[in-house]
Amino acid sequence: MSKWLALAQQQIDSATRVPFAPIEPIATESSLPGAVPIVPFVPIAPETRPIGTNGAIGTKPEDDTSERQAIAEIEGGVTLVFSLAFAAFQIGCSAGCSVDLWQRAIDDAGRFLDQHGHAAAALGWMAADLFAADGLAWALKGAAVVNLTATAATLLDGRVFRRSDEGS
């Protein structure tokens, strides 16, 4: 599992906290100096809005993307050519795509960027070459890239992925 999928799984695992909300004070201990109200905390209904990458409920999607982009660049060393698209790719599963397939594509993209991201950028690869619906992230399906040129990626299983003319 790549560090990207591990990070995503860690965020999912940490998002199951039960939220609490304060209610009105039920008493005040006034016999002591600096009296403090006694306020019980009660659980509230689970939040249904999206959970942000920092674990905050209801984080705006643009905040999620910016945060993931920063993580990719600072901690992952992902080049600017790919960091924003990679962040956006992780935010939500495409319509009609299974979550398992999408997570596999995220993992494959992270592994590719770890191993070949800077070389791909230097060879002129663009974000669309990796993250478009017909991009390399979707085509890898668990296979490693063993050779990368300006026009194609050769995969360990013998398949060759060719960049589209529009992405070049």
N, C-alpha and C. Protein backbone atom coordinates (compact mmCIF):
# COMPACT_ATOMS: atom_id res chain seq x y z
N MET A 1 0.85 -1.18 0.00
CA MET A 1 0.00 0.00 0.00
C MET A 1 0.89 1.23 0.00
N SER A 2 0.59 2.19 -0.87
CA SER A 2 1.40 3.40 -0.93
C SER A 2 1.11 4.27 0.28
N LYS A 3 2.00 5.23 0.52
CA LYS A 3 1.79 6.13 1.65
C LYS A 3 0.55 6.98 1.46
N TRP A 4 0.13 7.20 0.19
CA TRP A 4 -1.06 8.02 -0.08
C TRP A 4 -2.32 7.29 0.35
N LEU A 5 -2.43 6.01 -0.01
CA LEU A 5 -3.61 5.26 0.38
C LEU A 5 -3.62 5.04 1.89
N ALA A 6 -2.44 4.84 2.46
CA ALA A 6 -2.36 4.70 3.91
C ALA A 6 -2.84 5.97 4.60
N LEU A 7 -2.46 7.13 4.06
CA LEU A 7 -2.91 8.41 4.62
C LEU A 7 -4.42 8.55 4.49
N ALA A 8 -4.97 8.18 3.34
CA ALA A 8 -6.42 8.26 3.15
C ALA A 8 -7.13 7.32 4.11
N GLN A 9 -6.61 6.11 4.29
CA GLN A 9 -7.23 5.15 5.20
C GLN A 9 -7.17 5.65 6.64
N GLN A 10 -6.06 6.27 7.00
CA GLN A 10 -5.91 6.83 8.34
C GLN A 10 -6.94 7.93 8.58
N GLN A 11 -7.20 8.75 7.57
CA GLN A 11 -8.20 9.81 7.69
C GLN A 11 -9.60 9.22 7.83
N ILE A 12 -9.88 8.18 7.10
CA ILE A 12 -11.19 7.54 7.21
C ILE A 12 -11.36 6.94 8.60
N ASP A 13 -10.33 6.25 9.09
CA ASP A 13 -10.41 5.63 10.41
C ASP A 13 -10.60 6.65 11.52
N SER A 14 -9.97 7.81 11.39
CA SER A 14 -10.05 8.82 12.45
C SER A 14 -11.34 9.63 12.37
N ALA A 15 -12.13 9.46 11.32
CA ALA A 15 -13.34 10.26 11.13
C ALA A 15 -14.56 9.66 11.81
N THR A 16 -14.39 8.64 12.63
CA THR A 16 -15.54 7.98 13.24
C THR A 16 -15.77 8.45 14.67
N ARG A 17 -15.26 9.58 15.03
CA ARG A 17 -15.45 10.10 16.39
C ARG A 17 -16.91 10.50 16.61
N VAL A 18 -17.37 10.36 17.84
CA VAL A 18 -18.72 10.78 18.20
C VAL A 18 -18.67 12.24 18.60
N PRO A 19 -19.40 13.12 17.92
CA PRO A 19 -19.37 14.53 18.28
C PRO A 19 -20.19 14.80 19.54
N PHE A 20 -19.80 15.81 20.29
CA PHE A 20 -20.51 16.20 21.50
C PHE A 20 -20.87 17.67 21.42
N ALA A 21 -21.97 18.04 22.06
CA ALA A 21 -22.40 19.43 22.09
C ALA A 21 -22.73 19.81 23.53
N PRO A 22 -22.30 20.99 23.96
CA PRO A 22 -22.64 21.40 25.33
C PRO A 22 -24.11 21.79 25.42
N ILE A 23 -24.67 21.64 26.62
CA ILE A 23 -26.01 22.13 26.89
C ILE A 23 -25.93 23.17 28.00
N GLU A 24 -27.05 23.75 28.35
CA GLU A 24 -27.06 24.79 29.38
C GLU A 24 -26.55 24.24 30.70
N PRO A 25 -25.86 25.09 31.49
CA PRO A 25 -25.40 24.64 32.81
C PRO A 25 -26.56 24.16 33.67
N ILE A 26 -26.33 23.07 34.41
CA ILE A 26 -27.39 22.57 35.28
C ILE A 26 -27.20 23.04 36.72
N ALA A 27 -26.01 23.49 37.04
CA ALA A 27 -25.77 23.97 38.40
C ALA A 27 -24.48 24.76 38.42
N THR A 28 -24.31 25.55 39.46
CA THR A 28 -23.06 26.27 39.67
C THR A 28 -22.60 25.98 41.08
N GLU A 29 -21.39 25.56 41.21
CA GLU A 29 -20.82 25.31 42.52
C GLU A 29 -20.36 26.65 43.08
N SER A 30 -21.25 27.33 43.80
CA SER A 30 -20.95 28.68 44.27
C SER A 30 -20.28 28.71 45.63
N SER A 31 -20.12 27.57 46.27
CA SER A 31 -19.49 27.57 47.58
C SER A 31 -17.97 27.71 47.48
N LEU A 32 -17.44 27.61 46.28
CA LEU A 32 -15.99 27.73 46.09
C LEU A 32 -15.66 29.05 45.41
N PRO A 33 -14.49 29.63 45.77
CA PRO A 33 -14.09 30.84 45.05
C PRO A 33 -13.91 30.53 43.57
N GLY A 34 -14.26 31.50 42.70
CA GLY A 34 -14.13 31.29 41.25
C GLY A 34 -15.08 30.23 40.76
N ALA A 35 -16.35 30.34 41.14
CA ALA A 35 -17.36 29.34 40.82
C ALA A 35 -17.36 29.00 39.34
N VAL A 36 -17.51 27.74 39.04
CA VAL A 36 -17.50 27.23 37.66
C VAL A 36 -18.83 26.54 37.41
N PRO A 37 -19.52 26.88 36.32
CA PRO A 37 -20.77 26.17 36.03
C PRO A 37 -20.51 24.71 35.70
N ILE A 38 -21.39 23.85 36.11
CA ILE A 38 -21.30 22.43 35.81
C ILE A 38 -22.11 22.20 34.53
N VAL A 39 -21.41 21.84 33.44
CA VAL A 39 -22.05 21.69 32.14
C VAL A 39 -21.82 20.27 31.64
N PRO A 40 -22.87 19.47 31.57
CA PRO A 40 -22.69 18.12 31.02
C PRO A 40 -22.57 18.19 29.51
N PHE A 41 -21.92 17.21 28.94
CA PHE A 41 -21.82 17.10 27.49
C PHE A 41 -22.65 15.91 27.06
N VAL A 42 -23.43 16.11 26.02
CA VAL A 42 -24.26 15.02 25.51
C VAL A 42 -23.94 14.80 24.05
N PRO A 43 -23.98 13.55 23.61
CA PRO A 43 -23.72 13.30 22.19
C PRO A 43 -24.83 13.87 21.33
N ILE A 44 -24.47 14.35 20.16
CA ILE A 44 -25.46 14.83 19.20
C ILE A 44 -25.50 13.84 18.05
N ALA A 45 -26.47 13.98 17.20
CA ALA A 45 -26.59 13.08 16.05
C ALA A 45 -25.34 13.19 15.19
N PRO A 46 -24.89 12.08 14.61
CA PRO A 46 -23.71 12.14 13.74
C PRO A 46 -23.91 13.13 12.61
N GLU A 47 -22.84 13.83 12.27
CA GLU A 47 -22.86 14.84 11.21
C GLU A 47 -22.95 14.15 9.86
N THR A 48 -23.74 14.71 8.97
CA THR A 48 -23.89 14.10 7.65
C THR A 48 -23.13 14.84 6.57
N ARG A 49 -22.56 16.00 6.90
CA ARG A 49 -21.78 16.73 5.89
C ARG A 49 -20.45 16.04 5.69
N PRO A 50 -19.74 16.35 4.60
CA PRO A 50 -18.44 15.72 4.35
C PRO A 50 -17.46 16.00 5.47
N ILE A 51 -16.60 15.05 5.72
CA ILE A 51 -15.56 15.22 6.72
C ILE A 51 -14.30 15.65 6.00
N GLY A 52 -13.69 16.74 6.45
CA GLY A 52 -12.51 17.29 5.81
C GLY A 52 -11.27 16.47 6.08
N THR A 53 -10.20 16.79 5.36
CA THR A 53 -8.96 16.03 5.50
C THR A 53 -8.32 16.22 6.86
N ASN A 54 -8.65 17.32 7.54
CA ASN A 54 -8.08 17.53 8.86
C ASN A 54 -9.00 16.97 9.94
N GLY A 55 -10.03 16.23 9.55
CA GLY A 55 -10.94 15.63 10.49
C GLY A 55 -12.09 16.52 10.89
N ALA A 56 -12.09 17.77 10.43
CA ALA A 56 -13.15 18.69 10.77
C ALA A 56 -14.38 18.38 9.94
N ILE A 57 -15.53 18.44 10.57
CA ILE A 57 -16.76 18.15 9.85
C ILE A 57 -17.17 19.39 9.07
N GLY A 58 -17.52 19.19 7.81
CA GLY A 58 -18.01 20.28 7.00
C GLY A 58 -16.94 21.14 6.38
N THR A 59 -15.70 20.69 6.34
CA THR A 59 -14.64 21.46 5.70
C THR A 59 -15.00 21.67 4.24
N LYS A 60 -14.82 22.88 3.75
CA LYS A 60 -15.15 23.18 2.37
C LYS A 60 -14.26 22.37 1.43
N PRO A 61 -14.82 21.86 0.31
CA PRO A 61 -14.03 21.05 -0.62
C PRO A 61 -12.76 21.74 -1.10
N GLU A 62 -12.80 23.07 -1.33
CA GLU A 62 -11.58 23.73 -1.78
C GLU A 62 -10.51 23.70 -0.70
N ASP A 63 -10.92 23.68 0.58
CA ASP A 63 -9.96 23.54 1.66
C ASP A 63 -9.35 22.15 1.65
N ASP A 64 -10.18 21.13 1.40
CA ASP A 64 -9.68 19.76 1.30
C ASP A 64 -8.63 19.65 0.20
N THR A 65 -8.94 20.20 -0.96
CA THR A 65 -8.03 20.11 -2.10
C THR A 65 -6.72 20.82 -1.79
N SER A 66 -6.80 22.01 -1.23
CA SER A 66 -5.58 22.77 -0.90
C SER A 66 -4.74 22.03 0.12
N GLU A 67 -5.41 21.44 1.12
CA GLU A 67 -4.68 20.72 2.15
C GLU A 67 -4.01 19.48 1.57
N ARG A 68 -4.74 18.74 0.76
CA ARG A 68 -4.15 17.54 0.15
C ARG A 68 -3.00 17.91 -0.80
N GLN A 69 -3.15 19.03 -1.51
CA GLN A 69 -2.09 19.47 -2.39
C GLN A 69 -0.83 19.78 -1.58
N ALA A 70 -1.00 20.47 -0.47
CA ALA A 70 0.15 20.79 0.39
C ALA A 70 0.81 19.53 0.93
N ILE A 71 0.01 18.56 1.34
CA ILE A 71 0.56 17.29 1.83
C ILE A 71 1.36 16.61 0.73
N ALA A 72 0.78 16.58 -0.48
CA ALA A 72 1.47 15.93 -1.60
C ALA A 72 2.80 16.61 -1.91
N GLU A 73 2.82 17.93 -1.91
CA GLU A 73 4.03 18.66 -2.25
C GLU A 73 5.07 18.61 -1.12
N ILE A 74 4.64 18.91 0.10
CA ILE A 74 5.58 19.04 1.21
C ILE A 74 6.06 17.69 1.72
N GLU A 75 5.11 16.80 2.00
CA GLU A 75 5.49 15.51 2.58
C GLU A 75 5.79 14.46 1.52
N GLY A 76 5.14 14.58 0.36
CA GLY A 76 5.32 13.56 -0.67
C GLY A 76 6.31 13.91 -1.76
N GLY A 77 6.69 15.19 -1.82
CA GLY A 77 7.63 15.60 -2.86
C GLY A 77 7.03 15.58 -4.26
N VAL A 78 5.70 15.64 -4.36
CA VAL A 78 5.05 15.62 -5.67
C VAL A 78 5.26 16.97 -6.35
N THR A 79 5.63 16.93 -7.61
CA THR A 79 5.89 18.14 -8.37
C THR A 79 4.61 18.94 -8.59
N LEU A 80 4.76 20.24 -8.78
CA LEU A 80 3.61 21.13 -8.98
C LEU A 80 2.76 20.75 -10.19
N VAL A 81 3.37 20.14 -11.18
CA VAL A 81 2.65 19.73 -12.39
C VAL A 81 1.50 18.79 -12.04
N PHE A 82 1.69 17.96 -11.02
CA PHE A 82 0.71 16.92 -10.69
C PHE A 82 0.01 17.12 -9.35
N SER A 83 0.52 17.95 -8.46
CA SER A 83 0.01 17.98 -7.09
C SER A 83 -1.44 18.40 -6.96
N LEU A 84 -1.88 19.42 -7.67
CA LEU A 84 -3.27 19.85 -7.57
C LEU A 84 -4.22 18.80 -8.14
N ALA A 85 -3.89 18.24 -9.28
CA ALA A 85 -4.74 17.21 -9.88
C ALA A 85 -4.78 15.96 -9.01
N PHE A 86 -3.65 15.59 -8.41
CA PHE A 86 -3.62 14.42 -7.53
C PHE A 86 -4.49 14.67 -6.31
N ALA A 87 -4.43 15.88 -5.76
CA ALA A 87 -5.28 16.23 -4.62
C ALA A 87 -6.75 16.13 -4.99
N ALA A 88 -7.13 16.69 -6.12
CA ALA A 88 -8.52 16.65 -6.56
C ALA A 88 -8.97 15.21 -6.84
N PHE A 89 -8.07 14.41 -7.38
CA PHE A 89 -8.36 13.01 -7.70
C PHE A 89 -8.76 12.23 -6.44
N GLN A 90 -8.18 12.61 -5.30
CA GLN A 90 -8.43 11.91 -4.04
C GLN A 90 -9.72 12.34 -3.35
N ILE A 91 -10.29 13.47 -3.76
CA ILE A 91 -11.43 14.04 -3.05
C ILE A 91 -12.71 13.23 -3.21
N GLY A 92 -12.99 12.75 -4.39
CA GLY A 92 -14.24 12.02 -4.57
C GLY A 92 -14.18 11.03 -5.70
N CYS A 93 -14.90 9.96 -5.53
CA CYS A 93 -14.97 8.91 -6.53
C CYS A 93 -15.82 9.37 -7.71
N SER A 94 -15.35 9.12 -8.92
CA SER A 94 -16.09 9.48 -10.13
C SER A 94 -17.41 8.74 -10.18
N ALA A 95 -18.42 9.39 -10.74
CA ALA A 95 -19.73 8.76 -10.90
C ALA A 95 -19.60 7.49 -11.73
N GLY A 96 -20.24 6.45 -11.30
CA GLY A 96 -20.22 5.19 -12.04
C GLY A 96 -19.00 4.33 -11.78
N CYS A 97 -18.13 4.75 -10.91
CA CYS A 97 -16.90 4.01 -10.61
C CYS A 97 -17.03 3.40 -9.21
N SER A 98 -16.58 2.18 -9.04
CA SER A 98 -16.63 1.56 -7.71
C SER A 98 -15.56 2.20 -6.82
N VAL A 99 -15.85 2.23 -5.53
CA VAL A 99 -14.91 2.80 -4.58
C VAL A 99 -13.61 2.00 -4.58
N ASP A 100 -13.71 0.67 -4.70
CA ASP A 100 -12.50 -0.16 -4.72
C ASP A 100 -11.59 0.18 -5.89
N LEU A 101 -12.19 0.36 -7.06
CA LEU A 101 -11.42 0.71 -8.26
C LEU A 101 -10.79 2.09 -8.10
N TRP A 102 -11.55 3.03 -7.55
CA TRP A 102 -11.05 4.39 -7.33
C TRP A 102 -9.88 4.38 -6.33
N GLN A 103 -10.02 3.64 -5.22
CA GLN A 103 -8.92 3.57 -4.25
C GLN A 103 -7.69 2.91 -4.85
N ARG A 104 -7.88 1.91 -5.71
CA ARG A 104 -6.76 1.26 -6.41
C ARG A 104 -6.06 2.28 -7.29
N ALA A 105 -6.85 3.12 -8.00
CA ALA A 105 -6.28 4.15 -8.88
C ALA A 105 -5.51 5.20 -8.07
N ILE A 106 -6.02 5.58 -6.90
CA ILE A 106 -5.31 6.52 -6.03
C ILE A 106 -3.99 5.92 -5.58
N ASP A 107 -4.03 4.67 -5.15
CA ASP A 107 -2.82 3.97 -4.71
C ASP A 107 -1.80 3.87 -5.84
N ASP A 108 -2.28 3.48 -7.03
CA ASP A 108 -1.39 3.36 -8.19
C ASP A 108 -0.79 4.72 -8.57
N ALA A 109 -1.63 5.77 -8.54
CA ALA A 109 -1.14 7.11 -8.87
C ALA A 109 -0.09 7.55 -7.86
N GLY A 110 -0.34 7.32 -6.58
CA GLY A 110 0.64 7.68 -5.56
C GLY A 110 1.97 6.95 -5.74
N ARG A 111 1.88 5.68 -6.05
CA ARG A 111 3.10 4.89 -6.28
C ARG A 111 3.85 5.41 -7.51
N PHE A 112 3.10 5.71 -8.58
CA PHE A 112 3.72 6.25 -9.79
C PHE A 112 4.41 7.59 -9.49
N LEU A 113 3.72 8.47 -8.77
CA LEU A 113 4.30 9.78 -8.46
C LEU A 113 5.53 9.64 -7.57
N ASP A 114 5.51 8.70 -6.63
CA ASP A 114 6.68 8.45 -5.78
C ASP A 114 7.88 8.02 -6.62
N GLN A 115 7.65 7.13 -7.57
CA GLN A 115 8.74 6.52 -8.33
C GLN A 115 9.12 7.29 -9.60
N HIS A 116 8.14 7.92 -10.26
CA HIS A 116 8.39 8.50 -11.58
C HIS A 116 7.86 9.92 -11.76
N GLY A 117 7.31 10.52 -10.73
CA GLY A 117 6.66 11.82 -10.88
C GLY A 117 7.54 12.91 -11.46
N HIS A 118 8.73 13.05 -10.92
CA HIS A 118 9.62 14.11 -11.41
C HIS A 118 10.10 13.83 -12.83
N ALA A 119 10.38 12.56 -13.12
CA ALA A 119 10.80 12.19 -14.47
C ALA A 119 9.66 12.43 -15.46
N ALA A 120 8.43 12.08 -15.07
CA ALA A 120 7.28 12.30 -15.95
C ALA A 120 7.10 13.78 -16.26
N ALA A 121 7.23 14.62 -15.25
CA ALA A 121 7.11 16.07 -15.47
C ALA A 121 8.21 16.56 -16.41
N ALA A 122 9.43 16.08 -16.21
CA ALA A 122 10.55 16.48 -17.07
C ALA A 122 10.35 16.01 -18.51
N LEU A 123 9.65 14.89 -18.68
CA LEU A 123 9.39 14.36 -20.03
C LEU A 123 8.16 15.00 -20.68
N GLY A 124 7.51 15.91 -19.97
CA GLY A 124 6.38 16.62 -20.55
C GLY A 124 5.01 16.03 -20.27
N TRP A 125 4.92 15.04 -19.39
CA TRP A 125 3.63 14.48 -19.04
C TRP A 125 2.84 15.55 -18.30
N MET A 126 1.54 15.55 -18.52
CA MET A 126 0.64 16.51 -17.87
C MET A 126 -0.30 15.78 -16.92
N ALA A 127 -0.96 16.54 -16.06
CA ALA A 127 -1.87 15.95 -15.09
C ALA A 127 -2.96 15.12 -15.77
N ALA A 128 -3.47 15.58 -16.91
CA ALA A 128 -4.51 14.83 -17.62
C ALA A 128 -4.02 13.47 -18.09
N ASP A 129 -2.73 13.35 -18.38
CA ASP A 129 -2.18 12.06 -18.80
C ASP A 129 -2.30 11.02 -17.69
N LEU A 130 -2.32 11.49 -16.45
CA LEU A 130 -2.42 10.57 -15.31
C LEU A 130 -3.84 10.43 -14.79
N PHE A 131 -4.57 11.54 -14.70
CA PHE A 131 -5.81 11.54 -13.94
C PHE A 131 -7.10 11.64 -14.75
N ALA A 132 -7.02 11.81 -16.06
CA ALA A 132 -8.23 11.82 -16.89
C ALA A 132 -8.89 10.45 -16.81
N ALA A 133 -10.13 10.37 -17.28
CA ALA A 133 -10.87 9.11 -17.23
C ALA A 133 -10.14 7.97 -17.94
N ASP A 134 -9.34 8.30 -18.94
CA ASP A 134 -8.55 7.29 -19.66
C ASP A 134 -7.06 7.42 -19.34
N GLY A 135 -6.75 8.01 -18.17
CA GLY A 135 -5.36 8.27 -17.80
C GLY A 135 -4.65 7.08 -17.20
N LEU A 136 -3.36 7.25 -17.01
CA LEU A 136 -2.50 6.18 -16.52
C LEU A 136 -2.91 5.67 -15.15
N ALA A 137 -3.37 6.55 -14.26
CA ALA A 137 -3.77 6.10 -12.92
C ALA A 137 -4.82 5.01 -12.99
N TRP A 138 -5.75 5.14 -13.93
CA TRP A 138 -6.81 4.15 -14.09
C TRP A 138 -6.29 2.90 -14.82
N ALA A 139 -5.32 3.07 -15.69
CA ALA A 139 -4.82 1.96 -16.51
C ALA A 139 -3.87 1.03 -15.75
N LEU A 140 -3.21 1.53 -14.73
CA LEU A 140 -2.19 0.73 -14.04
C LEU A 140 -2.76 -0.56 -13.44
N LYS A 141 -3.87 -0.47 -12.74
CA LYS A 141 -4.53 -1.63 -12.14
C LYS A 141 -3.56 -2.51 -11.36
N GLY A 142 -2.71 -1.85 -10.58
CA GLY A 142 -1.76 -2.56 -9.72
C GLY A 142 -0.40 -2.83 -10.34
N ALA A 143 -0.25 -2.60 -11.63
CA ALA A 143 1.03 -2.86 -12.30
C ALA A 143 2.00 -1.69 -12.10
N ALA A 144 3.26 -2.00 -12.00
CA ALA A 144 4.29 -0.98 -11.86
C ALA A 144 4.76 -0.51 -13.24
N VAL A 145 5.21 0.72 -13.30
CA VAL A 145 5.81 1.26 -14.53
C VAL A 145 7.30 0.88 -14.51
N VAL A 146 7.75 0.23 -15.59
CA VAL A 146 9.16 -0.18 -15.67
C VAL A 146 9.97 0.68 -16.62
N ASN A 147 9.29 1.40 -17.53
CA ASN A 147 9.99 2.30 -18.45
C ASN A 147 9.06 3.45 -18.79
N LEU A 148 9.63 4.65 -18.79
CA LEU A 148 8.84 5.84 -19.05
C LEU A 148 9.54 6.68 -20.11
N THR A 149 8.80 7.05 -21.15
CA THR A 149 9.33 7.94 -22.18
C THR A 149 8.41 9.15 -22.28
N ALA A 150 8.71 10.04 -23.19
CA ALA A 150 7.88 11.23 -23.37
C ALA A 150 6.49 10.88 -23.92
N THR A 151 6.35 9.71 -24.51
CA THR A 151 5.07 9.36 -25.14
C THR A 151 4.38 8.14 -24.54
N ALA A 152 5.07 7.33 -23.73
CA ALA A 152 4.48 6.09 -23.26
C ALA A 152 5.08 5.62 -21.95
N ALA A 153 4.33 4.75 -21.28
CA ALA A 153 4.79 4.07 -20.07
C ALA A 153 4.65 2.58 -20.30
N THR A 154 5.73 1.84 -20.11
CA THR A 154 5.69 0.39 -20.22
C THR A 154 5.47 -0.17 -18.83
N LEU A 155 4.49 -1.05 -18.71
CA LEU A 155 4.13 -1.62 -17.41
C LEU A 155 4.78 -2.97 -17.22
N LEU A 156 4.94 -3.36 -15.97
CA LEU A 156 5.60 -4.62 -15.62
C LEU A 156 4.91 -5.83 -16.25
N ASP A 157 3.59 -5.76 -16.44
CA ASP A 157 2.86 -6.88 -17.03
C ASP A 157 2.92 -6.89 -18.56
N GLY A 158 3.72 -5.98 -19.15
CA GLY A 158 3.91 -5.97 -20.60
C GLY A 158 3.02 -4.99 -21.35
N ARG A 159 2.00 -4.47 -20.71
CA ARG A 159 1.14 -3.49 -21.38
C ARG A 159 1.90 -2.19 -21.58
N VAL A 160 1.49 -1.45 -22.62
CA VAL A 160 2.07 -0.13 -22.89
C VAL A 160 0.95 0.88 -22.86
N PHE A 161 1.11 1.91 -22.03
CA PHE A 161 0.13 3.00 -21.97
C PHE A 161 0.71 4.15 -22.77
N ARG A 162 -0.03 4.64 -23.75
CA ARG A 162 0.41 5.75 -24.57
C ARG A 162 -0.37 7.00 -24.21
N ARG A 163 0.36 8.10 -24.08
CA ARG A 163 -0.30 9.38 -23.79
C ARG A 163 -1.18 9.77 -24.95
N SER A 164 -2.28 10.46 -24.65
CA SER A 164 -3.16 10.93 -25.71
C SER A 164 -2.52 12.15 -26.37
N ASP A 165 -2.90 12.41 -27.61
CA ASP A 165 -2.36 13.57 -28.34
C ASP A 165 -2.75 14.87 -27.66
N GLU A 166 -3.97 14.90 -27.04
CA GLU A 166 -4.42 16.12 -26.38
C GLU A 166 -3.59 16.41 -25.14
N GLY A 167 -3.08 15.36 -24.45
CA GLY A 167 -2.30 15.56 -23.23
C GLY A 167 -0.88 15.97 -23.50
N SER A 168 -0.40 15.79 -24.72
CA SER A 168 0.99 16.09 -25.06
C SER A 168 1.19 17.55 -25.34
